[in-house]
Amino acid sequence: MSDTGRASSNATPSPQGRILRWGIVVGALAVLLIIGILVVRSASGTLARFGQPSAPRITQQTVVERLREVAKLVASEMTLRDVVIYEQTRFASTKRVLLVVTGKVSAGIDMERGTVVQIDSVDKRITVTLPPAQILSVDVLNVTTYDERAGILNPFRPEDRDLIQRRIRVQLVDAARQSGILEHADRSAAKVLTELLTRDGYTVEIKRPVTVRPSAG
């Protein structure tokens, strides 16, 4: 009787019992596997976000530095030829000279004066107020004298030569302005600035204060 009872307690589990226990183990492993997948995905997403470069952000200093770069690069040049006549009468004697002058006039914008920058980082918008273009330089390339006359009582003097040089420069500047060099410099600067700043995904608006350009001379 006792032997039979011990044999009964140590009997091999039935197939149904083994299947039940294996089902529990497989179910636990499946849960662990799902948890592991979720953790790996979460970690991968975090690492992916960590590895991605942040969106470009434009600062006041960035725009100012780029403005300085543009100030060195943007300029409009115009080569001109003009006729300059100088005439002066003294002691009833008239001296006169006719010159054909070739010169190069350069115009641009001084970014260091009157430039205002406003940045809206939320709407990604940059507003730049630029001063109007101005004449930067005048180079006299060639002067040819076609007619020069002077009287004994009224010869050409060094001060006459100085006045002639000033008149040459004034006429070259006036001719360049009449040819639209300042307007061209304004458009050129606005175009280059817009192309330079919109590379970072910002919208750029170029404004100019209402000013009256100085007359030639």
N, C-alpha and C. Protein backbone atom coordinates (compact mmCIF):
# COMPACT_ATOMS: atom_id res chain seq x y z
N MET A 1 0.82 -1.20 0.00
CA MET A 1 0.00 0.00 0.00
C MET A 1 0.85 1.24 0.00
N SER A 2 1.85 1.25 0.84
CA SER A 2 2.73 2.41 0.91
C SER A 2 3.56 2.54 -0.33
N ASP A 3 4.01 1.39 -0.93
CA ASP A 3 4.81 1.47 -2.15
C ASP A 3 3.99 2.04 -3.27
N THR A 4 2.74 1.62 -3.27
CA THR A 4 1.89 2.12 -4.34
C THR A 4 1.65 3.61 -4.21
N GLY A 5 1.54 4.09 -2.98
CA GLY A 5 1.33 5.54 -2.77
C GLY A 5 2.53 6.34 -3.19
N ARG A 6 3.77 5.83 -2.88
CA ARG A 6 4.96 6.58 -3.30
C ARG A 6 5.10 6.60 -4.80
N ALA A 7 4.81 5.49 -5.42
CA ALA A 7 4.90 5.47 -6.88
C ALA A 7 3.94 6.46 -7.49
N SER A 8 2.79 6.61 -6.85
CA SER A 8 1.81 7.55 -7.39
C SER A 8 2.26 8.97 -7.25
N SER A 9 2.95 9.34 -6.17
CA SER A 9 3.40 10.72 -5.96
C SER A 9 4.56 11.08 -6.86
N ASN A 10 5.38 10.12 -7.30
CA ASN A 10 6.53 10.42 -8.15
C ASN A 10 6.26 10.12 -9.61
N ALA A 11 5.02 9.97 -9.96
CA ALA A 11 4.68 9.63 -11.34
C ALA A 11 5.02 10.76 -12.30
N THR A 12 5.36 10.43 -13.55
CA THR A 12 5.71 11.42 -14.58
C THR A 12 4.48 12.24 -14.92
N PRO A 13 4.65 13.62 -15.06
CA PRO A 13 3.50 14.47 -15.35
C PRO A 13 2.86 14.08 -16.65
N SER A 14 1.57 14.26 -16.72
CA SER A 14 0.82 13.94 -17.92
C SER A 14 1.16 14.91 -19.04
N PRO A 15 0.96 14.53 -20.31
CA PRO A 15 1.24 15.45 -21.43
C PRO A 15 0.51 16.77 -21.30
N GLN A 16 -0.72 16.76 -20.80
CA GLN A 16 -1.48 18.00 -20.63
C GLN A 16 -0.77 18.95 -19.67
N GLY A 17 -0.18 18.36 -18.57
CA GLY A 17 0.53 19.20 -17.60
C GLY A 17 1.76 19.83 -18.19
N ARG A 18 2.52 19.09 -19.00
CA ARG A 18 3.72 19.64 -19.64
C ARG A 18 3.36 20.75 -20.62
N ILE A 19 2.32 20.50 -21.36
CA ILE A 19 1.89 21.54 -22.32
C ILE A 19 1.48 22.80 -21.61
N LEU A 20 0.83 22.70 -20.47
CA LEU A 20 0.41 23.87 -19.70
C LEU A 20 1.61 24.65 -19.20
N ARG A 21 2.59 23.93 -18.65
CA ARG A 21 3.77 24.63 -18.13
C ARG A 21 4.58 25.29 -19.25
N TRP A 22 4.73 24.61 -20.39
CA TRP A 22 5.44 25.20 -21.51
C TRP A 22 4.71 26.42 -22.06
N GLY A 23 3.41 26.37 -22.03
CA GLY A 23 2.64 27.53 -22.46
C GLY A 23 2.90 28.73 -21.59
N ILE A 24 3.02 28.50 -20.27
CA ILE A 24 3.31 29.61 -19.36
C ILE A 24 4.69 30.18 -19.65
N VAL A 25 5.69 29.30 -19.87
CA VAL A 25 7.07 29.76 -20.15
C VAL A 25 7.13 30.54 -21.45
N VAL A 26 6.49 29.99 -22.49
CA VAL A 26 6.49 30.68 -23.80
C VAL A 26 5.79 32.02 -23.71
N GLY A 27 4.70 32.07 -22.96
CA GLY A 27 4.00 33.34 -22.79
C GLY A 27 4.85 34.38 -22.09
N ALA A 28 5.58 33.96 -21.06
CA ALA A 28 6.46 34.88 -20.34
C ALA A 28 7.57 35.38 -21.25
N LEU A 29 8.15 34.48 -22.05
CA LEU A 29 9.21 34.89 -22.98
C LEU A 29 8.69 35.88 -24.02
N ALA A 30 7.46 35.64 -24.48
CA ALA A 30 6.87 36.55 -25.46
C ALA A 30 6.69 37.95 -24.89
N VAL A 31 6.22 38.02 -23.64
CA VAL A 31 6.06 39.31 -22.98
C VAL A 31 7.40 40.02 -22.85
N LEU A 32 8.42 39.25 -22.42
CA LEU A 32 9.75 39.84 -22.28
C LEU A 32 10.28 40.32 -23.64
N LEU A 33 10.01 39.53 -24.70
CA LEU A 33 10.47 39.92 -26.03
C LEU A 33 9.81 41.21 -26.49
N ILE A 34 8.48 41.32 -26.26
CA ILE A 34 7.77 42.55 -26.65
C ILE A 34 8.29 43.76 -25.89
N ILE A 35 8.52 43.56 -24.58
CA ILE A 35 9.08 44.67 -23.78
C ILE A 35 10.44 45.07 -24.30
N GLY A 36 11.26 44.04 -24.65
CA GLY A 36 12.59 44.34 -25.17
C GLY A 36 12.54 45.12 -26.46
N ILE A 37 11.61 44.73 -27.37
CA ILE A 37 11.47 45.45 -28.64
C ILE A 37 11.07 46.90 -28.42
N LEU A 38 10.12 47.12 -27.50
CA LEU A 38 9.68 48.49 -27.21
C LEU A 38 10.82 49.32 -26.65
N VAL A 39 11.61 48.72 -25.77
CA VAL A 39 12.74 49.45 -25.18
C VAL A 39 13.76 49.80 -26.24
N VAL A 40 14.06 48.82 -27.14
CA VAL A 40 15.04 49.07 -28.19
C VAL A 40 14.55 50.16 -29.13
N ARG A 41 13.25 50.12 -29.48
CA ARG A 41 12.71 51.17 -30.36
C ARG A 41 12.78 52.53 -29.72
N SER A 42 12.44 52.59 -28.46
CA SER A 42 12.50 53.87 -27.75
C SER A 42 13.92 54.40 -27.70
N ALA A 43 14.85 53.48 -27.40
CA ALA A 43 16.26 53.91 -27.33
C ALA A 43 16.75 54.34 -28.70
N SER A 44 16.33 53.60 -29.76
CA SER A 44 16.75 53.95 -31.11
C SER A 44 16.23 55.32 -31.50
N GLY A 45 14.97 55.59 -31.15
CA GLY A 45 14.40 56.90 -31.47
C GLY A 45 15.14 58.02 -30.77
N THR A 46 15.49 57.76 -29.51
CA THR A 46 16.23 58.78 -28.75
C THR A 46 17.60 59.02 -29.37
N LEU A 47 18.29 57.91 -29.73
CA LEU A 47 19.60 58.05 -30.34
C LEU A 47 19.51 58.74 -31.69
N ALA A 48 18.43 58.40 -32.46
CA ALA A 48 18.28 59.05 -33.77
C ALA A 48 18.08 60.54 -33.62
N ARG A 49 17.24 60.92 -32.63
CA ARG A 49 17.04 62.35 -32.40
C ARG A 49 18.32 63.01 -31.91
N PHE A 50 19.08 62.28 -31.12
CA PHE A 50 20.33 62.84 -30.60
C PHE A 50 21.35 63.05 -31.72
N GLY A 51 21.33 62.12 -32.69
CA GLY A 51 22.30 62.21 -33.76
C GLY A 51 21.95 63.20 -34.84
N GLN A 52 20.68 63.60 -34.94
CA GLN A 52 20.26 64.53 -35.97
C GLN A 52 20.72 65.94 -35.64
N PRO A 53 21.21 66.67 -36.65
CA PRO A 53 21.61 68.06 -36.39
C PRO A 53 20.40 68.93 -36.09
N SER A 54 20.57 69.85 -35.19
CA SER A 54 19.47 70.76 -34.84
C SER A 54 19.22 71.73 -35.99
N ALA A 55 18.02 72.26 -36.04
CA ALA A 55 17.66 73.20 -37.10
C ALA A 55 18.53 74.45 -37.00
N PRO A 56 19.00 75.00 -38.15
CA PRO A 56 19.86 76.18 -38.11
C PRO A 56 19.15 77.36 -37.47
N ARG A 57 19.88 78.10 -36.68
CA ARG A 57 19.32 79.25 -35.98
C ARG A 57 20.17 80.47 -36.30
N ILE A 58 19.53 81.48 -36.82
CA ILE A 58 20.22 82.71 -37.18
C ILE A 58 20.20 83.66 -36.00
N THR A 59 21.35 84.23 -35.70
CA THR A 59 21.46 85.20 -34.61
C THR A 59 21.83 86.57 -35.19
N GLN A 60 21.70 87.56 -34.35
CA GLN A 60 22.06 88.92 -34.76
C GLN A 60 23.52 88.98 -35.21
N GLN A 61 24.39 88.31 -34.46
CA GLN A 61 25.81 88.31 -34.78
C GLN A 61 26.07 87.66 -36.13
N THR A 62 25.34 86.57 -36.42
CA THR A 62 25.50 85.89 -37.71
C THR A 62 25.16 86.81 -38.87
N VAL A 63 24.05 87.52 -38.74
CA VAL A 63 23.64 88.42 -39.82
C VAL A 63 24.63 89.57 -39.98
N VAL A 64 25.10 90.11 -38.87
CA VAL A 64 26.05 91.23 -38.93
C VAL A 64 27.34 90.78 -39.61
N GLU A 65 27.81 89.59 -39.29
CA GLU A 65 29.03 89.09 -39.93
C GLU A 65 28.83 88.91 -41.42
N ARG A 66 27.68 88.40 -41.82
CA ARG A 66 27.41 88.23 -43.24
C ARG A 66 27.26 89.57 -43.95
N LEU A 67 26.70 90.54 -43.24
CA LEU A 67 26.61 91.88 -43.82
C LEU A 67 27.99 92.45 -44.09
N ARG A 68 28.90 92.22 -43.17
CA ARG A 68 30.27 92.72 -43.36
C ARG A 68 30.93 92.04 -44.55
N GLU A 69 30.65 90.74 -44.73
CA GLU A 69 31.20 90.04 -45.88
C GLU A 69 30.65 90.63 -47.18
N VAL A 70 29.36 90.89 -47.18
CA VAL A 70 28.72 91.45 -48.38
C VAL A 70 29.25 92.84 -48.67
N ALA A 71 29.50 93.61 -47.61
CA ALA A 71 30.00 94.97 -47.79
C ALA A 71 31.32 94.97 -48.56
N LYS A 72 32.12 93.91 -48.38
CA LYS A 72 33.40 93.82 -49.07
C LYS A 72 33.25 93.33 -50.51
N LEU A 73 32.15 92.60 -50.76
CA LEU A 73 32.01 91.96 -52.06
C LEU A 73 31.08 92.69 -53.02
N VAL A 74 30.05 93.30 -52.47
CA VAL A 74 29.03 93.91 -53.33
C VAL A 74 29.43 95.33 -53.71
N ALA A 75 29.54 95.56 -54.97
CA ALA A 75 29.82 96.91 -55.47
C ALA A 75 29.46 96.94 -56.94
N SER A 76 29.03 98.10 -57.38
CA SER A 76 28.72 98.29 -58.79
C SER A 76 29.75 99.24 -59.38
N GLU A 77 30.33 98.85 -60.49
CA GLU A 77 31.34 99.67 -61.14
C GLU A 77 30.86 100.07 -62.53
N MET A 78 31.25 101.25 -62.92
CA MET A 78 30.83 101.76 -64.22
C MET A 78 31.99 102.54 -64.83
N THR A 79 32.34 102.19 -66.05
CA THR A 79 33.38 102.92 -66.78
C THR A 79 32.71 103.92 -67.71
N LEU A 80 33.14 105.17 -67.61
CA LEU A 80 32.47 106.26 -68.32
C LEU A 80 33.47 107.10 -69.10
N ARG A 81 32.94 107.73 -70.13
CA ARG A 81 33.73 108.71 -70.88
C ARG A 81 32.90 109.99 -70.97
N ASP A 82 33.54 111.10 -70.70
CA ASP A 82 32.82 112.37 -70.67
C ASP A 82 33.72 113.48 -71.18
N VAL A 83 33.10 114.57 -71.60
CA VAL A 83 33.82 115.75 -72.07
C VAL A 83 33.78 116.81 -70.99
N VAL A 84 34.95 117.32 -70.63
CA VAL A 84 35.05 118.34 -69.59
C VAL A 84 35.61 119.62 -70.21
N ILE A 85 34.88 120.71 -69.99
CA ILE A 85 35.32 122.01 -70.50
C ILE A 85 35.56 122.94 -69.33
N TYR A 86 36.75 123.52 -69.30
CA TYR A 86 37.09 124.49 -68.24
C TYR A 86 37.40 125.82 -68.93
N GLU A 87 36.73 126.84 -68.45
CA GLU A 87 36.92 128.17 -69.05
C GLU A 87 36.90 129.21 -67.94
N GLN A 88 37.84 130.18 -68.04
CA GLN A 88 37.91 131.22 -67.02
C GLN A 88 38.49 132.49 -67.64
N THR A 89 37.84 133.62 -67.34
CA THR A 89 38.26 134.90 -67.93
C THR A 89 38.82 135.80 -66.84
N ARG A 90 39.92 136.44 -67.19
CA ARG A 90 40.57 137.36 -66.25
C ARG A 90 41.32 138.42 -67.06
N PHE A 91 41.15 139.70 -66.66
CA PHE A 91 41.77 140.81 -67.36
C PHE A 91 41.42 140.78 -68.86
N ALA A 92 40.16 140.49 -69.13
CA ALA A 92 39.67 140.43 -70.51
C ALA A 92 40.35 139.36 -71.33
N SER A 93 41.03 138.45 -70.64
CA SER A 93 41.70 137.36 -71.32
C SER A 93 41.06 136.03 -70.87
N THR A 94 40.74 135.18 -71.79
CA THR A 94 40.04 133.93 -71.48
C THR A 94 40.96 132.73 -71.73
N LYS A 95 41.01 131.89 -70.75
CA LYS A 95 41.71 130.61 -70.93
C LYS A 95 40.66 129.49 -70.95
N ARG A 96 40.93 128.51 -71.80
CA ARG A 96 39.93 127.47 -72.02
C ARG A 96 40.63 126.16 -72.35
N VAL A 97 40.07 125.08 -71.87
CA VAL A 97 40.61 123.76 -72.19
C VAL A 97 39.46 122.79 -72.34
N LEU A 98 39.57 121.90 -73.35
CA LEU A 98 38.58 120.86 -73.58
C LEU A 98 39.26 119.51 -73.40
N LEU A 99 38.69 118.69 -72.54
CA LEU A 99 39.28 117.39 -72.21
C LEU A 99 38.27 116.28 -72.45
N VAL A 100 38.76 115.14 -72.91
CA VAL A 100 37.95 113.92 -72.99
C VAL A 100 38.49 112.99 -71.92
N VAL A 101 37.62 112.63 -71.00
CA VAL A 101 38.05 111.91 -69.80
C VAL A 101 37.41 110.53 -69.75
N THR A 102 38.20 109.56 -69.37
CA THR A 102 37.69 108.21 -69.12
C THR A 102 37.94 107.87 -67.65
N GLY A 103 36.90 107.41 -66.98
CA GLY A 103 37.05 107.10 -65.55
C GLY A 103 36.20 105.92 -65.13
N LYS A 104 36.49 105.41 -63.95
CA LYS A 104 35.73 104.29 -63.38
C LYS A 104 35.15 104.73 -62.05
N VAL A 105 33.83 104.59 -61.92
CA VAL A 105 33.13 104.98 -60.69
C VAL A 105 32.59 103.72 -60.02
N SER A 106 32.81 103.63 -58.72
CA SER A 106 32.35 102.48 -57.94
C SER A 106 31.32 102.94 -56.91
N ALA A 107 30.23 102.17 -56.78
CA ALA A 107 29.17 102.49 -55.80
C ALA A 107 28.85 101.25 -54.98
N GLY A 108 28.46 101.46 -53.75
CA GLY A 108 28.11 100.34 -52.88
C GLY A 108 27.42 100.84 -51.62
N ILE A 109 27.26 99.93 -50.68
CA ILE A 109 26.55 100.25 -49.44
C ILE A 109 27.49 100.08 -48.25
N ASP A 110 27.51 101.09 -47.41
CA ASP A 110 28.29 101.03 -46.17
C ASP A 110 27.44 100.34 -45.12
N MET A 111 27.69 99.04 -44.90
CA MET A 111 26.87 98.25 -43.99
C MET A 111 27.01 98.67 -42.53
N GLU A 112 28.07 99.41 -42.23
CA GLU A 112 28.31 99.80 -40.85
C GLU A 112 27.49 101.02 -40.43
N ARG A 113 26.83 101.66 -41.39
CA ARG A 113 26.10 102.88 -41.07
C ARG A 113 24.63 102.73 -41.43
N GLY A 114 23.78 102.82 -40.43
CA GLY A 114 22.34 102.82 -40.66
C GLY A 114 21.74 101.46 -40.98
N THR A 115 22.44 100.36 -40.66
CA THR A 115 21.90 99.02 -40.91
C THR A 115 21.19 98.51 -39.67
N VAL A 116 19.93 98.09 -39.83
CA VAL A 116 19.14 97.57 -38.71
C VAL A 116 18.68 96.16 -39.06
N VAL A 117 18.89 95.22 -38.12
CA VAL A 117 18.52 93.82 -38.35
C VAL A 117 17.49 93.39 -37.30
N GLN A 118 16.40 92.80 -37.77
CA GLN A 118 15.36 92.24 -36.89
C GLN A 118 15.15 90.78 -37.25
N ILE A 119 15.20 89.90 -36.24
CA ILE A 119 15.09 88.46 -36.47
C ILE A 119 13.91 87.91 -35.69
N ASP A 120 13.02 87.23 -36.40
CA ASP A 120 11.89 86.53 -35.79
C ASP A 120 12.16 85.04 -35.91
N SER A 121 12.69 84.43 -34.82
CA SER A 121 13.08 83.03 -34.86
C SER A 121 11.88 82.10 -34.94
N VAL A 122 10.73 82.54 -34.43
CA VAL A 122 9.53 81.69 -34.45
C VAL A 122 9.01 81.55 -35.89
N ASP A 123 8.83 82.67 -36.57
CA ASP A 123 8.34 82.65 -37.95
C ASP A 123 9.47 82.51 -38.97
N LYS A 124 10.72 82.45 -38.47
CA LYS A 124 11.91 82.33 -39.32
C LYS A 124 11.90 83.43 -40.38
N ARG A 125 11.93 84.65 -39.90
CA ARG A 125 11.88 85.81 -40.77
C ARG A 125 12.96 86.81 -40.35
N ILE A 126 13.67 87.32 -41.33
CA ILE A 126 14.72 88.32 -41.09
C ILE A 126 14.36 89.59 -41.86
N THR A 127 14.35 90.70 -41.16
CA THR A 127 14.10 92.00 -41.79
C THR A 127 15.37 92.83 -41.66
N VAL A 128 15.90 93.28 -42.78
CA VAL A 128 17.13 94.07 -42.79
C VAL A 128 16.83 95.42 -43.42
N THR A 129 17.10 96.47 -42.66
CA THR A 129 16.97 97.83 -43.18
C THR A 129 18.35 98.34 -43.56
N LEU A 130 18.54 98.62 -44.84
CA LEU A 130 19.85 99.01 -45.36
C LEU A 130 19.88 100.51 -45.69
N PRO A 131 21.03 101.14 -45.50
CA PRO A 131 21.17 102.53 -45.95
C PRO A 131 21.25 102.55 -47.47
N PRO A 132 20.96 103.68 -48.08
CA PRO A 132 21.04 103.76 -49.55
C PRO A 132 22.48 103.65 -50.02
N ALA A 133 22.64 103.20 -51.26
CA ALA A 133 23.98 103.10 -51.84
C ALA A 133 24.59 104.48 -52.01
N GLN A 134 25.91 104.50 -52.01
CA GLN A 134 26.63 105.76 -52.19
C GLN A 134 27.86 105.53 -53.06
N ILE A 135 28.39 106.61 -53.58
CA ILE A 135 29.61 106.52 -54.37
C ILE A 135 30.78 106.20 -53.45
N LEU A 136 31.51 105.14 -53.79
CA LEU A 136 32.64 104.73 -52.96
C LEU A 136 33.98 105.25 -53.48
N SER A 137 34.14 105.28 -54.80
CA SER A 137 35.43 105.72 -55.33
C SER A 137 35.28 106.20 -56.76
N VAL A 138 36.21 107.06 -57.17
CA VAL A 138 36.28 107.57 -58.54
C VAL A 138 37.73 107.47 -58.99
N ASP A 139 37.96 106.72 -60.03
CA ASP A 139 39.32 106.57 -60.57
C ASP A 139 39.36 107.17 -61.97
N VAL A 140 40.24 108.13 -62.16
CA VAL A 140 40.43 108.74 -63.48
C VAL A 140 41.44 107.88 -64.24
N LEU A 141 40.98 107.26 -65.32
CA LEU A 141 41.83 106.33 -66.06
C LEU A 141 42.62 107.01 -67.17
N ASN A 142 42.01 108.01 -67.81
CA ASN A 142 42.71 108.66 -68.93
C ASN A 142 42.13 110.05 -69.16
N VAL A 143 43.02 110.98 -69.49
CA VAL A 143 42.61 112.35 -69.82
C VAL A 143 43.33 112.76 -71.09
N THR A 144 42.55 113.15 -72.11
CA THR A 144 43.14 113.59 -73.37
C THR A 144 42.73 115.04 -73.62
N THR A 145 43.72 115.87 -73.87
CA THR A 145 43.48 117.30 -74.12
C THR A 145 43.33 117.54 -75.62
N TYR A 146 42.20 118.13 -76.00
CA TYR A 146 41.95 118.41 -77.41
C TYR A 146 42.07 119.90 -77.74
N ASP A 147 41.90 120.73 -76.78
CA ASP A 147 41.98 122.17 -77.06
C ASP A 147 42.36 122.89 -75.78
N GLU A 148 43.42 123.66 -75.86
CA GLU A 148 43.86 124.44 -74.69
C GLU A 148 44.38 125.78 -75.17
N ARG A 149 43.75 126.83 -74.66
CA ARG A 149 44.15 128.18 -75.04
C ARG A 149 44.22 129.06 -73.80
N ALA A 150 45.21 129.92 -73.77
CA ALA A 150 45.38 130.85 -72.64
C ALA A 150 46.05 132.12 -73.13
N GLY A 151 45.69 133.24 -72.48
CA GLY A 151 46.29 134.52 -72.84
C GLY A 151 47.52 134.80 -72.00
N ILE A 152 48.27 135.81 -72.43
CA ILE A 152 49.49 136.19 -71.71
C ILE A 152 49.15 136.68 -70.31
N LEU A 153 48.04 137.41 -70.19
CA LEU A 153 47.65 137.94 -68.88
C LEU A 153 46.87 136.93 -68.04
N ASN A 154 46.53 135.83 -68.64
CA ASN A 154 45.72 134.85 -67.90
C ASN A 154 46.19 133.41 -68.23
N PRO A 155 47.39 133.06 -67.82
CA PRO A 155 47.91 131.73 -68.13
C PRO A 155 47.29 130.67 -67.18
N PHE A 156 47.50 129.42 -67.51
CA PHE A 156 47.07 128.34 -66.62
C PHE A 156 48.01 128.25 -65.43
N ARG A 157 47.45 128.18 -64.27
CA ARG A 157 48.20 128.11 -63.04
C ARG A 157 47.93 126.77 -62.34
N PRO A 158 48.74 126.44 -61.33
CA PRO A 158 48.51 125.18 -60.60
C PRO A 158 47.10 125.08 -60.01
N GLU A 159 46.57 126.22 -59.53
CA GLU A 159 45.21 126.16 -58.97
C GLU A 159 44.17 125.84 -60.04
N ASP A 160 44.44 126.25 -61.30
CA ASP A 160 43.54 125.89 -62.39
C ASP A 160 43.56 124.38 -62.60
N ARG A 161 44.73 123.77 -62.54
CA ARG A 161 44.84 122.33 -62.71
C ARG A 161 44.08 121.59 -61.60
N ASP A 162 44.16 122.12 -60.38
CA ASP A 162 43.41 121.50 -59.27
C ASP A 162 41.91 121.59 -59.50
N LEU A 163 41.44 122.76 -59.96
CA LEU A 163 40.02 122.92 -60.24
C LEU A 163 39.56 121.98 -61.35
N ILE A 164 40.41 121.81 -62.37
CA ILE A 164 40.07 120.92 -63.48
C ILE A 164 39.95 119.48 -62.98
N GLN A 165 40.86 119.05 -62.12
CA GLN A 165 40.79 117.68 -61.58
C GLN A 165 39.51 117.48 -60.77
N ARG A 166 39.14 118.47 -59.99
CA ARG A 166 37.91 118.35 -59.21
C ARG A 166 36.69 118.30 -60.12
N ARG A 167 36.72 119.13 -61.20
CA ARG A 167 35.59 119.13 -62.12
C ARG A 167 35.48 117.79 -62.84
N ILE A 168 36.60 117.20 -63.18
CA ILE A 168 36.59 115.89 -63.82
C ILE A 168 35.89 114.87 -62.93
N ARG A 169 36.25 114.84 -61.66
CA ARG A 169 35.67 113.86 -60.74
C ARG A 169 34.17 114.12 -60.53
N VAL A 170 33.80 115.41 -60.42
CA VAL A 170 32.40 115.75 -60.22
C VAL A 170 31.57 115.32 -61.43
N GLN A 171 32.08 115.53 -62.62
CA GLN A 171 31.32 115.17 -63.82
C GLN A 171 31.22 113.66 -63.97
N LEU A 172 32.26 112.93 -63.61
CA LEU A 172 32.20 111.47 -63.69
C LEU A 172 31.15 110.93 -62.71
N VAL A 173 31.13 111.49 -61.50
CA VAL A 173 30.13 111.05 -60.51
C VAL A 173 28.73 111.38 -60.98
N ASP A 174 28.55 112.58 -61.52
CA ASP A 174 27.23 113.00 -62.00
C ASP A 174 26.77 112.10 -63.15
N ALA A 175 27.68 111.77 -64.07
CA ALA A 175 27.32 110.91 -65.18
C ALA A 175 26.96 109.50 -64.70
N ALA A 176 27.67 109.00 -63.70
CA ALA A 176 27.38 107.66 -63.15
C ALA A 176 26.02 107.65 -62.47
N ARG A 177 25.71 108.69 -61.73
CA ARG A 177 24.41 108.76 -61.07
C ARG A 177 23.28 108.82 -62.08
N GLN A 178 23.47 109.62 -63.13
CA GLN A 178 22.43 109.71 -64.15
C GLN A 178 22.26 108.39 -64.89
N SER A 179 23.30 107.57 -64.90
CA SER A 179 23.23 106.26 -65.56
C SER A 179 22.64 105.20 -64.65
N GLY A 180 22.31 105.55 -63.40
CA GLY A 180 21.64 104.61 -62.50
C GLY A 180 22.55 103.71 -61.70
N ILE A 181 23.76 104.16 -61.44
CA ILE A 181 24.69 103.30 -60.71
C ILE A 181 24.24 103.05 -59.27
N LEU A 182 23.63 104.05 -58.62
CA LEU A 182 23.21 103.87 -57.23
C LEU A 182 22.04 102.90 -57.12
N GLU A 183 21.09 103.01 -58.04
CA GLU A 183 19.96 102.08 -58.04
C GLU A 183 20.43 100.65 -58.31
N HIS A 184 21.40 100.52 -59.20
CA HIS A 184 21.94 99.18 -59.49
C HIS A 184 22.64 98.60 -58.26
N ALA A 185 23.37 99.44 -57.54
CA ALA A 185 24.04 98.97 -56.32
C ALA A 185 23.04 98.56 -55.26
N ASP A 186 21.93 99.30 -55.15
CA ASP A 186 20.87 98.93 -54.20
C ASP A 186 20.30 97.55 -54.53
N ARG A 187 19.96 97.34 -55.78
CA ARG A 187 19.37 96.05 -56.19
C ARG A 187 20.37 94.91 -56.01
N SER A 188 21.61 95.17 -56.33
CA SER A 188 22.63 94.12 -56.22
C SER A 188 22.82 93.69 -54.78
N ALA A 189 22.90 94.65 -53.87
CA ALA A 189 23.08 94.32 -52.46
C ALA A 189 21.89 93.56 -51.91
N ALA A 190 20.67 93.98 -52.28
CA ALA A 190 19.46 93.30 -51.80
C ALA A 190 19.41 91.86 -52.31
N LYS A 191 19.78 91.66 -53.56
CA LYS A 191 19.75 90.31 -54.14
C LYS A 191 20.75 89.39 -53.46
N VAL A 192 21.97 89.86 -53.28
CA VAL A 192 23.01 89.02 -52.67
C VAL A 192 22.66 88.71 -51.22
N LEU A 193 22.18 89.70 -50.48
CA LEU A 193 21.81 89.47 -49.08
C LEU A 193 20.67 88.46 -48.97
N THR A 194 19.67 88.60 -49.83
CA THR A 194 18.54 87.68 -49.78
C THR A 194 18.98 86.25 -50.06
N GLU A 195 19.81 86.07 -51.08
CA GLU A 195 20.30 84.72 -51.42
C GLU A 195 21.16 84.16 -50.29
N LEU A 196 21.92 85.02 -49.64
CA LEU A 196 22.82 84.57 -48.59
C LEU A 196 22.08 84.12 -47.34
N LEU A 197 21.03 84.86 -46.96
CA LEU A 197 20.34 84.58 -45.70
C LEU A 197 19.23 83.54 -45.83
N THR A 198 18.67 83.38 -47.03
CA THR A 198 17.59 82.40 -47.19
C THR A 198 18.11 80.97 -47.26
N ARG A 199 19.40 80.77 -47.28
CA ARG A 199 19.96 79.41 -47.31
C ARG A 199 19.62 78.63 -46.04
N ASP A 200 19.36 79.32 -44.97
CA ASP A 200 19.05 78.67 -43.70
C ASP A 200 17.55 78.51 -43.48
N GLY A 201 16.76 78.69 -44.52
CA GLY A 201 15.33 78.47 -44.40
C GLY A 201 14.56 79.67 -43.89
N TYR A 202 15.19 80.84 -43.83
CA TYR A 202 14.50 82.04 -43.36
C TYR A 202 13.95 82.83 -44.54
N THR A 203 12.85 83.55 -44.27
CA THR A 203 12.33 84.51 -45.23
C THR A 203 13.00 85.86 -44.98
N VAL A 204 13.45 86.50 -46.03
CA VAL A 204 14.22 87.74 -45.87
C VAL A 204 13.47 88.90 -46.53
N GLU A 205 13.38 89.99 -45.81
CA GLU A 205 12.78 91.22 -46.34
C GLU A 205 13.80 92.35 -46.22
N ILE A 206 14.07 93.00 -47.33
CA ILE A 206 15.02 94.11 -47.36
C ILE A 206 14.24 95.42 -47.40
N LYS A 207 14.50 96.28 -46.45
CA LYS A 207 13.84 97.59 -46.39
C LYS A 207 14.89 98.69 -46.51
N ARG A 208 14.41 99.86 -46.93
CA ARG A 208 15.30 101.02 -47.01
C ARG A 208 14.58 102.23 -46.44
N PRO A 209 15.28 103.02 -45.66
CA PRO A 209 14.64 104.23 -45.13
C PRO A 209 14.36 105.21 -46.26
N VAL A 210 13.35 106.02 -46.08
CA VAL A 210 13.02 107.04 -47.08
C VAL A 210 14.01 108.19 -46.94
N THR A 211 14.89 108.32 -47.90
CA THR A 211 15.92 109.36 -47.85
C THR A 211 16.00 110.06 -49.20
N VAL A 212 16.58 111.23 -49.17
CA VAL A 212 16.81 111.99 -50.40
C VAL A 212 18.30 111.91 -50.70
N ARG A 213 18.66 111.35 -51.85
CA ARG A 213 20.07 111.25 -52.20
C ARG A 213 20.67 112.63 -52.44
N PRO A 214 21.91 112.84 -52.00
CA PRO A 214 22.55 114.13 -52.25
C PRO A 214 22.79 114.33 -53.73
N SER A 215 22.68 115.56 -54.15
CA SER A 215 22.89 115.87 -55.57
C SER A 215 24.37 115.81 -55.89
N ALA A 216 24.68 115.66 -57.16
CA ALA A 216 26.07 115.60 -57.57
C ALA A 216 26.75 116.92 -57.31
N GLY A 217 28.05 116.79 -56.98
CA GLY A 217 28.83 118.01 -56.74
C GLY A 217 29.06 118.25 -55.31
